Structures are given as C-alpha cells and as structure tokens.
Amino acid sequence: QLLRQEAQRSTQRGRKIHDIMLQGLLVPMVGRAPD
C-alpha cells in the first residue's frame, strides 16, 4: 500500500516505483533484519 501510494506521486521516485511495479518486478527495499 505504501509503495502504491508513492507510485501515484509525480516524483522521480514515484515514477520509478510505478514503472517497476507495472513490470511485475520487486521494488528494492532497505530495512532492519526481522525477528
């Protein structure tokens, strides 16, 4: 949901996420290790 919201924004990052998602690819993410 967060990625779809960002993809709707007309920012460079939003357009990049939108393009990646329409291709059916995974959007690269960075975060902490899960428990």
PDB file of all heavy atoms in Angstrom:
ATOM      1  N   GLN A   1       0.836  -1.202   0.000  1.00  0.00           N
ATOM      2  CA  GLN A   1       0.000   0.000   0.000  1.00  0.00           C
ATOM      3  C   GLN A   1       0.875   1.258   0.000  1.00  0.00           C
ATOM      4  O   GLN A   1       0.610   2.212  -0.725  1.00  0.00           O
ATOM      5  CB  GLN A   1      -0.938   0.006   1.202  1.00  0.00           C
ATOM      6  CG  GLN A   1      -1.848   1.215   1.242  1.00  0.00           C
ATOM      7  CD  GLN A   1      -2.770   1.209   2.461  1.00  0.00           C
ATOM      8  OE1 GLN A   1      -2.752   0.298   3.268  1.00  0.00           O
ATOM      9  NE2 GLN A   1      -3.566   2.238   2.571  1.00  0.00           N
ATOM     10  N   LEU A   2       1.915   1.253   0.819  1.00  0.00           N
ATOM     11  CA  LEU A   2       2.824   2.407   0.855  1.00  0.00           C
ATOM     12  C   LEU A   2       3.503   2.619  -0.497  1.00  0.00           C
ATOM     13  O   LEU A   2       3.637   3.753  -0.956  1.00  0.00           O
ATOM     14  CB  LEU A   2       3.878   2.217   1.952  1.00  0.00           C
ATOM     15  CG  LEU A   2       3.378   2.219   3.387  1.00  0.00           C
ATOM     16  CD1 LEU A   2       4.521   1.898   4.341  1.00  0.00           C
ATOM     17  CD2 LEU A   2       2.740   3.554   3.743  1.00  0.00           C
ATOM     18  N   LEU A   3       3.916   1.508  -1.131  1.00  0.00           N
ATOM     19  CA  LEU A   3       4.567   1.629  -2.435  1.00  0.00           C
ATOM     20  C   LEU A   3       3.597   2.137  -3.497  1.00  0.00           C
ATOM     21  O   LEU A   3       3.954   2.975  -4.326  1.00  0.00           O
ATOM     22  CB  LEU A   3       5.158   0.278  -2.860  1.00  0.00           C
ATOM     23  CG  LEU A   3       6.394  -0.166  -2.093  1.00  0.00           C
ATOM     24  CD1 LEU A   3       6.752  -1.606  -2.428  1.00  0.00           C
ATOM     25  CD2 LEU A   3       7.568   0.761  -2.363  1.00  0.00           C
ATOM     26  N   ARG A   4       2.338   1.648  -3.479  1.00  0.00           N
ATOM     27  CA  ARG A   4       1.347   2.130  -4.444  1.00  0.00           C
ATOM     28  C   ARG A   4       1.057   3.615  -4.250  1.00  0.00           C
ATOM     29  O   ARG A   4       0.896   4.359  -5.218  1.00  0.00           O
ATOM     30  CB  ARG A   4       0.069   1.290  -4.369  1.00  0.00           C
ATOM     31  CG  ARG A   4       0.201  -0.057  -5.078  1.00  0.00           C
ATOM     32  CD  ARG A   4      -1.108  -0.811  -5.105  1.00  0.00           C
ATOM     33  NE  ARG A   4      -1.529  -1.238  -3.783  1.00  0.00           N
ATOM     34  CZ  ARG A   4      -1.053  -2.292  -3.133  1.00  0.00           C
ATOM     35  NH1 ARG A   4      -0.128  -3.045  -3.696  1.00  0.00           N
ATOM     36  NH2 ARG A   4      -1.496  -2.615  -1.942  1.00  0.00           N
ATOM     37  N   GLN A   5       1.007   4.067  -2.988  1.00  0.00           N
ATOM     38  CA  GLN A   5       0.799   5.492  -2.729  1.00  0.00           C
ATOM     39  C   GLN A   5       1.951   6.323  -3.273  1.00  0.00           C
ATOM     40  O   GLN A   5       1.751   7.361  -3.897  1.00  0.00           O
ATOM     41  CB  GLN A   5       0.624   5.744  -1.227  1.00  0.00           C
ATOM     42  CG  GLN A   5      -0.692   5.275  -0.683  1.00  0.00           C
ATOM     43  CD  GLN A   5      -0.763   5.392   0.845  1.00  0.00           C
ATOM     44  OE1 GLN A   5       0.215   5.675   1.520  1.00  0.00           O
ATOM     45  NE2 GLN A   5      -1.949   5.140   1.385  1.00  0.00           N
ATOM     46  N   GLU A   6       3.166   5.851  -3.039  1.00  0.00           N
ATOM     47  CA  GLU A   6       4.347   6.567  -3.540  1.00  0.00           C
ATOM     48  C   GLU A   6       4.369   6.556  -5.068  1.00  0.00           C
ATOM     49  O   GLU A   6       4.727   7.550  -5.695  1.00  0.00           O
ATOM     50  CB  GLU A   6       5.626   5.939  -2.982  1.00  0.00           C
ATOM     51  CG  GLU A   6       6.893   6.679  -3.341  1.00  0.00           C
ATOM     52  CD  GLU A   6       6.972   8.083  -2.738  1.00  0.00           C
ATOM     53  OE1 GLU A   6       6.392   8.329  -1.664  1.00  0.00           O
ATOM     54  OE2 GLU A   6       7.622   8.941  -3.354  1.00  0.00           O
ATOM     55  N   ALA A   7       3.940   5.434  -5.679  1.00  0.00           N
ATOM     56  CA  ALA A   7       3.933   5.317  -7.137  1.00  0.00           C
ATOM     57  C   ALA A   7       2.967   6.298  -7.787  1.00  0.00           C
ATOM     58  O   ALA A   7       3.132   6.663  -8.951  1.00  0.00           O
ATOM     59  CB  ALA A   7       3.590   3.883  -7.547  1.00  0.00           C
ATOM     60  N   GLN A   8       1.952   6.750  -7.061  1.00  0.00           N
ATOM     61  CA  GLN A   8       0.986   7.696  -7.599  1.00  0.00           C
ATOM     62  C   GLN A   8       1.488   9.143  -7.546  1.00  0.00           C
ATOM     63  O   GLN A   8       0.907  10.016  -8.183  1.00  0.00           O
ATOM     64  CB  GLN A   8      -0.338   7.589  -6.846  1.00  0.00           C
ATOM     65  CG  GLN A   8      -1.058   6.287  -7.126  1.00  0.00           C
ATOM     66  CD  GLN A   8      -2.330   6.145  -6.320  1.00  0.00           C
ATOM     67  OE1 GLN A   8      -2.621   6.946  -5.437  1.00  0.00           O
ATOM     68  NE2 GLN A   8      -3.089   5.111  -6.611  1.00  0.00           N
ATOM     69  N   ARG A   9       2.546   9.373  -6.781  1.00  0.00           N
ATOM     70  CA  ARG A   9       3.097  10.730  -6.681  1.00  0.00           C
ATOM     71  C   ARG A   9       3.890  11.036  -7.941  1.00  0.00           C
ATOM     72  O   ARG A   9       4.480  10.162  -8.550  1.00  0.00           O
ATOM     73  CB  ARG A   9       3.975  10.841  -5.448  1.00  0.00           C
ATOM     74  CG  ARG A   9       3.176  10.577  -4.167  1.00  0.00           C
ATOM     75  CD  ARG A   9       4.013  10.655  -2.944  1.00  0.00           C
ATOM     76  NE  ARG A   9       4.450  12.038  -2.752  1.00  0.00           N
ATOM     77  CZ  ARG A   9       5.473  12.385  -1.996  1.00  0.00           C
ATOM     78  NH1 ARG A   9       6.161  11.472  -1.348  1.00  0.00           N
ATOM     79  NH2 ARG A   9       5.806  13.650  -1.856  1.00  0.00           N
ATOM     80  N   SER A  10       3.913  12.273  -8.338  1.00  0.00           N
ATOM     81  CA  SER A  10       4.637  12.644  -9.559  1.00  0.00           C
ATOM     82  C   SER A  10       6.068  13.080  -9.232  1.00  0.00           C
ATOM     83  O   SER A  10       6.545  14.105  -9.696  1.00  0.00           O
ATOM     84  CB  SER A  10       3.882  13.743 -10.310  1.00  0.00           C
ATOM     85  OG  SER A  10       3.665  14.850  -9.471  1.00  0.00           O
ATOM     86  N   THR A  11       6.731  12.257  -8.431  1.00  0.00           N
ATOM     87  CA  THR A  11       8.131  12.495  -8.111  1.00  0.00           C
ATOM     88  C   THR A  11       8.971  11.501  -8.917  1.00  0.00           C
ATOM     89  O   THR A  11       8.452  10.523  -9.468  1.00  0.00           O
ATOM     90  CB  THR A  11       8.404  12.266  -6.613  1.00  0.00           C
ATOM     91  OG1 THR A  11       8.130  10.893  -6.301  1.00  0.00           O
ATOM     92  CG2 THR A  11       7.544  13.177  -5.742  1.00  0.00           C
ATOM     93  N   GLN A  12      10.266  11.732  -8.970  1.00  0.00           N
ATOM     94  CA  GLN A  12      11.148  10.809  -9.683  1.00  0.00           C
ATOM     95  C   GLN A  12      11.065   9.420  -9.044  1.00  0.00           C
ATOM     96  O   GLN A  12      10.961   8.416  -9.746  1.00  0.00           O
ATOM     97  CB  GLN A  12      12.581  11.332  -9.657  1.00  0.00           C
ATOM     98  CG  GLN A  12      13.543  10.446 -10.417  1.00  0.00           C
ATOM     99  CD  GLN A  12      14.962  10.998 -10.428  1.00  0.00           C
ATOM    100  OE1 GLN A  12      15.234  12.066  -9.917  1.00  0.00           O
ATOM    101  NE2 GLN A  12      15.870  10.251 -11.021  1.00  0.00           N
ATOM    102  N   ARG A  13      11.086   9.368  -7.708  1.00  0.00           N
ATOM    103  CA  ARG A  13      11.000   8.080  -7.013  1.00  0.00           C
ATOM    104  C   ARG A  13       9.646   7.416  -7.281  1.00  0.00           C
ATOM    105  O   ARG A  13       9.574   6.218  -7.520  1.00  0.00           O
ATOM    106  CB  ARG A  13      11.217   8.270  -5.512  1.00  0.00           C
ATOM    107  CG  ARG A  13      11.170   6.964  -4.743  1.00  0.00           C
ATOM    108  CD  ARG A  13      11.572   7.111  -3.312  1.00  0.00           C
ATOM    109  NE  ARG A  13      10.746   8.115  -2.645  1.00  0.00           N
ATOM    110  CZ  ARG A  13      10.856   8.443  -1.384  1.00  0.00           C
ATOM    111  NH1 ARG A  13      11.779   7.881  -0.638  1.00  0.00           N
ATOM    112  NH2 ARG A  13      10.080   9.350  -0.835  1.00  0.00           N
ATOM    113  N   GLY A  14       8.562   8.207  -7.255  1.00  0.00           N
ATOM    114  CA  GLY A  14       7.233   7.667  -7.508  1.00  0.00           C
ATOM    115  C   GLY A  14       7.113   7.070  -8.894  1.00  0.00           C
ATOM    116  O   GLY A  14       6.559   5.979  -9.073  1.00  0.00           O
ATOM    117  N   ARG A  15       7.634   7.768  -9.897  1.00  0.00           N
ATOM    118  CA  ARG A  15       7.588   7.254 -11.275  1.00  0.00           C
ATOM    119  C   ARG A  15       8.425   5.990 -11.416  1.00  0.00           C
ATOM    120  O   ARG A  15       8.021   5.050 -12.104  1.00  0.00           O
ATOM    121  CB  ARG A  15       8.060   8.332 -12.252  1.00  0.00           C
ATOM    122  CG  ARG A  15       7.033   9.463 -12.438  1.00  0.00           C
ATOM    123  CD  ARG A  15       7.438  10.420 -13.560  1.00  0.00           C
ATOM    124  NE  ARG A  15       8.691  11.112 -13.294  1.00  0.00           N
ATOM    125  CZ  ARG A  15       8.804  12.240 -12.600  1.00  0.00           C
ATOM    126  NH1 ARG A  15       7.738  12.807 -12.090  1.00  0.00           N
ATOM    127  NH2 ARG A  15       9.976  12.805 -12.414  1.00  0.00           N
ATOM    128  N   LYS A  16       9.569   5.951 -10.743  1.00  0.00           N
ATOM    129  CA  LYS A  16      10.430   4.765 -10.813  1.00  0.00           C
ATOM    130  C   LYS A  16       9.725   3.558 -10.187  1.00  0.00           C
ATOM    131  O   LYS A  16       9.712   2.469 -10.756  1.00  0.00           O
ATOM    132  CB  LYS A  16      11.763   5.038 -10.095  1.00  0.00           C
ATOM    133  CG  LYS A  16      12.737   3.900 -10.188  1.00  0.00           C
ATOM    134  CD  LYS A  16      14.075   4.263  -9.566  1.00  0.00           C
ATOM    135  CE  LYS A  16      15.042   3.110  -9.686  1.00  0.00           C
ATOM    136  NZ  LYS A  16      16.354   3.426  -9.140  1.00  0.00           N
ATOM    137  N   ILE A  17       9.121   3.764  -9.018  1.00  0.00           N
ATOM    138  CA  ILE A  17       8.379   2.684  -8.357  1.00  0.00           C
ATOM    139  C   ILE A  17       7.218   2.236  -9.236  1.00  0.00           C
ATOM    140  O   ILE A  17       6.980   1.028  -9.412  1.00  0.00           O
ATOM    141  CB  ILE A  17       7.884   3.135  -6.962  1.00  0.00           C
ATOM    142  CG1 ILE A  17       9.081   3.275  -6.011  1.00  0.00           C
ATOM    143  CG2 ILE A  17       6.852   2.171  -6.394  1.00  0.00           C
ATOM    144  CD1 ILE A  17       8.747   3.927  -4.686  1.00  0.00           C
ATOM    145  N   HIS A  18       6.491   3.182  -9.822  1.00  0.00           N
ATOM    146  CA  HIS A  18       5.364   2.875 -10.710  1.00  0.00           C
ATOM    147  C   HIS A  18       5.824   1.983 -11.865  1.00  0.00           C
ATOM    148  O   HIS A  18       5.189   0.962 -12.169  1.00  0.00           O
ATOM    149  CB  HIS A  18       4.750   4.178 -11.230  1.00  0.00           C
ATOM    150  CG  HIS A  18       3.650   3.983 -12.214  1.00  0.00           C
ATOM    151  ND1 HIS A  18       2.376   3.623 -11.832  1.00  0.00           N
ATOM    152  CD2 HIS A  18       3.633   4.082 -13.561  1.00  0.00           C
ATOM    153  CE1 HIS A  18       1.623   3.522 -12.904  1.00  0.00           C
ATOM    154  NE2 HIS A  18       2.362   3.794 -13.961  1.00  0.00           N
ATOM    155  N   ASP A  19       6.917   2.356 -12.516  1.00  0.00           N
ATOM    156  CA  ASP A  19       7.430   1.589 -13.647  1.00  0.00           C
ATOM    157  C   ASP A  19       7.844   0.177 -13.231  1.00  0.00           C
ATOM    158  O   ASP A  19       7.544  -0.791 -13.928  1.00  0.00           O
ATOM    159  CB  ASP A  19       8.619   2.307 -14.292  1.00  0.00           C
ATOM    160  CG  ASP A  19       8.218   3.596 -14.998  1.00  0.00           C
ATOM    161  OD1 ASP A  19       7.003   3.790 -15.248  1.00  0.00           O
ATOM    162  OD2 ASP A  19       9.113   4.422 -15.269  1.00  0.00           O
ATOM    163  N   ILE A  20       8.517   0.065 -12.096  1.00  0.00           N
ATOM    164  CA  ILE A  20       8.949  -1.246 -11.599  1.00  0.00           C
ATOM    165  C   ILE A  20       7.734  -2.122 -11.317  1.00  0.00           C
ATOM    166  O   ILE A  20       7.686  -3.299 -11.704  1.00  0.00           O
ATOM    167  CB  ILE A  20       9.823  -1.087 -10.337  1.00  0.00           C
ATOM    168  CG1 ILE A  20      11.172  -0.465 -10.696  1.00  0.00           C
ATOM    169  CG2 ILE A  20      10.023  -2.436  -9.639  1.00  0.00           C
ATOM    170  CD1 ILE A  20      11.993  -0.043  -9.490  1.00  0.00           C
ATOM    171  N   MET A  21       6.724  -1.564 -10.658  1.00  0.00           N
ATOM    172  CA  MET A  21       5.541  -2.339 -10.297  1.00  0.00           C
ATOM    173  C   MET A  21       4.756  -2.779 -11.526  1.00  0.00           C
ATOM    174  O   MET A  21       4.255  -3.909 -11.570  1.00  0.00           O
ATOM    175  CB  MET A  21       4.654  -1.533  -9.348  1.00  0.00           C
ATOM    176  CG  MET A  21       5.286  -1.348  -7.978  1.00  0.00           C
ATOM    177  SD  MET A  21       4.358  -0.258  -6.902  1.00  0.00           S
ATOM    178  CE  MET A  21       3.017  -1.334  -6.421  1.00  0.00           C
ATOM    179  N   LEU A  22       4.635  -1.932 -12.541  1.00  0.00           N
ATOM    180  CA  LEU A  22       3.902  -2.312 -13.751  1.00  0.00           C
ATOM    181  C   LEU A  22       4.598  -3.433 -14.513  1.00  0.00           C
ATOM    182  O   LEU A  22       3.954  -4.202 -15.216  1.00  0.00           O
ATOM    183  CB  LEU A  22       3.701  -1.105 -14.666  1.00  0.00           C
ATOM    184  CG  LEU A  22       2.593  -0.146 -14.264  1.00  0.00           C
ATOM    185  CD1 LEU A  22       2.477   1.000 -15.269  1.00  0.00           C
ATOM    186  CD2 LEU A  22       1.264  -0.860 -14.130  1.00  0.00           C
ATOM    187  N   GLN A  23       5.916  -3.532 -14.356  1.00  0.00           N
ATOM    188  CA  GLN A  23       6.667  -4.614 -14.994  1.00  0.00           C
ATOM    189  C   GLN A  23       6.556  -5.917 -14.207  1.00  0.00           C
ATOM    190  O   GLN A  23       7.026  -6.953 -14.656  1.00  0.00           O
ATOM    191  CB  GLN A  23       8.140  -4.231 -15.113  1.00  0.00           C
ATOM    192  CG  GLN A  23       8.401  -3.085 -16.063  1.00  0.00           C
ATOM    193  CD  GLN A  23       9.856  -2.699 -16.044  1.00  0.00           C
ATOM    194  OE1 GLN A  23      10.733  -3.538 -16.248  1.00  0.00           O
ATOM    195  NE2 GLN A  23      10.138  -1.437 -15.772  1.00  0.00           N
ATOM    196  N   GLY A  24       5.954  -5.835 -13.004  1.00  0.00           N
ATOM    197  CA  GLY A  24       5.823  -7.031 -12.180  1.00  0.00           C
ATOM    198  C   GLY A  24       7.091  -7.395 -11.443  1.00  0.00           C
ATOM    199  O   GLY A  24       7.255  -8.526 -11.011  1.00  0.00           O
ATOM    200  N   LEU A  25       7.982  -6.438 -11.288  1.00  0.00           N
ATOM    201  CA  LEU A  25       9.244  -6.697 -10.593  1.00  0.00           C
ATOM    202  C   LEU A  25       9.136  -6.271  -9.136  1.00  0.00           C
ATOM    203  O   LEU A  25       8.213  -5.559  -8.747  1.00  0.00           O
ATOM    204  CB  LEU A  25      10.382  -5.933 -11.285  1.00  0.00           C
ATOM    205  CG  LEU A  25      10.580  -6.261 -12.765  1.00  0.00           C
ATOM    206  CD1 LEU A  25      11.631  -5.353 -13.384  1.00  0.00           C
ATOM    207  CD2 LEU A  25      10.938  -7.731 -12.958  1.00  0.00           C
ATOM    208  N   LEU A  26      10.089  -6.722  -8.327  1.00  0.00           N
ATOM    209  CA  LEU A  26      10.113  -6.349  -6.916  1.00  0.00           C
ATOM    210  C   LEU A  26      10.805  -5.002  -6.750  1.00  0.00           C
ATOM    211  O   LEU A  26      11.856  -4.762  -7.338  1.00  0.00           O
ATOM    212  CB  LEU A  26      10.860  -7.406  -6.093  1.00  0.00           C
ATOM    213  CG  LEU A  26      10.234  -8.797  -6.064  1.00  0.00           C
ATOM    214  CD1 LEU A  26      11.137  -9.752  -5.282  1.00  0.00           C
ATOM    215  CD2 LEU A  26       8.858  -8.756  -5.457  1.00  0.00           C
ATOM    216  N   VAL A  27      10.209  -4.147  -5.939  1.00  0.00           N
ATOM    217  CA  VAL A  27      10.809  -2.840  -5.659  1.00  0.00           C
ATOM    218  C   VAL A  27      11.888  -3.045  -4.601  1.00  0.00           C
ATOM    219  O   VAL A  27      11.614  -3.608  -3.542  1.00  0.00           O
ATOM    220  CB  VAL A  27       9.742  -1.843  -5.155  1.00  0.00           C
ATOM    221  CG1 VAL A  27      10.374  -0.503  -4.817  1.00  0.00           C
ATOM    222  CG2 VAL A  27       8.641  -1.671  -6.194  1.00  0.00           C
ATOM    223  N   PRO A  28      13.140  -2.638  -4.876  1.00  0.00           N
ATOM    224  CA  PRO A  28      14.216  -2.816  -3.887  1.00  0.00           C
ATOM    225  C   PRO A  28      13.905  -2.053  -2.599  1.00  0.00           C
ATOM    226  O   PRO A  28      13.463  -0.917  -2.635  1.00  0.00           O
ATOM    227  CB  PRO A  28      15.447  -2.229  -4.567  1.00  0.00           C
ATOM    228  CG  PRO A  28      15.091  -2.045  -5.996  1.00  0.00           C
ATOM    229  CD  PRO A  28      13.597  -1.969  -6.079  1.00  0.00           C
ATOM    230  N   MET A  29      14.130  -2.697  -1.475  1.00  0.00           N
ATOM    231  CA  MET A  29      13.855  -2.089  -0.174  1.00  0.00           C
ATOM    232  C   MET A  29      15.054  -2.281   0.740  1.00  0.00           C
ATOM    233  O   MET A  29      15.803  -3.241   0.607  1.00  0.00           O
ATOM    234  CB  MET A  29      12.631  -2.734   0.489  1.00  0.00           C
ATOM    235  CG  MET A  29      11.340  -2.596  -0.302  1.00  0.00           C
ATOM    236  SD  MET A  29      10.855  -0.918  -0.634  1.00  0.00           S
ATOM    237  CE  MET A  29      10.675  -0.269   0.985  1.00  0.00           C
ATOM    238  N   VAL A  30      15.204  -1.373   1.680  1.00  0.00           N
ATOM    239  CA  VAL A  30      16.249  -1.471   2.701  1.00  0.00           C
ATOM    240  C   VAL A  30      15.571  -1.330   4.054  1.00  0.00           C
ATOM    241  O   VAL A  30      14.696  -0.503   4.242  1.00  0.00           O
ATOM    242  CB  VAL A  30      17.300  -0.354   2.522  1.00  0.00           C
ATOM    243  CG1 VAL A  30      18.337  -0.413   3.617  1.00  0.00           C
ATOM    244  CG2 VAL A  30      17.936  -0.432   1.153  1.00  0.00           C
ATOM    245  N   GLY A  31      15.953  -2.160   4.999  1.00  0.00           N
ATOM    246  CA  GLY A  31      15.358  -2.091   6.325  1.00  0.00           C
ATOM    247  C   GLY A  31      16.152  -2.908   7.317  1.00  0.00           C
ATOM    248  O   GLY A  31      17.195  -3.459   6.990  1.00  0.00           O
ATOM    249  N   ARG A  32      15.638  -3.013   8.535  1.00  0.00           N
ATOM    250  CA  ARG A  32      16.356  -3.792   9.549  1.00  0.00           C
ATOM    251  C   ARG A  32      15.981  -5.262   9.430  1.00  0.00           C
ATOM    252  O   ARG A  32      14.953  -5.605   8.864  1.00  0.00           O
ATOM    253  CB  ARG A  32      16.051  -3.250  10.938  1.00  0.00           C
ATOM    254  CG  ARG A  32      14.675  -3.544  11.468  1.00  0.00           C
ATOM    255  CD  ARG A  32      14.589  -3.092  12.940  1.00  0.00           C
ATOM    256  NE  ARG A  32      13.420  -3.617  13.568  1.00  0.00           N
ATOM    257  CZ  ARG A  32      13.329  -4.819  14.137  1.00  0.00           C
ATOM    258  NH1 ARG A  32      14.355  -5.621  14.145  1.00  0.00           N
ATOM    259  NH2 ARG A  32      12.206  -5.220  14.700  1.00  0.00           N
ATOM    260  N   ALA A  33      16.805  -6.119   9.991  1.00  0.00           N
ATOM    261  CA  ALA A  33      16.566  -7.560   9.946  1.00  0.00           C
ATOM    262  C   ALA A  33      15.345  -7.922  10.792  1.00  0.00           C
ATOM    263  O   ALA A  33      15.140  -7.349  11.862  1.00  0.00           O
ATOM    264  CB  ALA A  33      17.798  -8.301  10.464  1.00  0.00           C
ATOM    265  N   PRO A  34      14.528  -8.855  10.312  1.00  0.00           N
ATOM    266  CA  PRO A  34      13.315  -9.226  11.057  1.00  0.00           C
ATOM    267  C   PRO A  34      13.615 -10.152  12.238  1.00  0.00           C
ATOM    268  O   PRO A  34      14.632 -10.838  12.265  1.00  0.00           O
ATOM    269  CB  PRO A  34      12.485  -9.965  10.006  1.00  0.00           C
ATOM    270  CG  PRO A  34      13.501 -10.547   9.080  1.00  0.00           C
ATOM    271  CD  PRO A  34      14.633  -9.550   9.043  1.00  0.00           C
ATOM    272  N   ASP A  35      12.693 -10.149  13.202  1.00  0.00           N
ATOM    273  CA  ASP A  35      12.766 -11.083  14.325  1.00  0.00           C
ATOM    274  C   ASP A  35      12.101 -12.401  13.971  1.00  0.00           C
ATOM    275  O   ASP A  35      12.417 -13.446  14.544  1.00  0.00           O
ATOM    276  CB  ASP A  35      12.067 -10.487  15.558  1.00  0.00           C
ATOM    277  CG  ASP A  35      12.745  -9.221  16.035  1.00  0.00           C
ATOM    278  OD1 ASP A  35      13.993  -9.158  15.969  1.00  0.00           O
ATOM    279  OD2 ASP A  35      12.039  -8.290  16.457  1.00  0.00           O
TER     280      ASP A  35
END
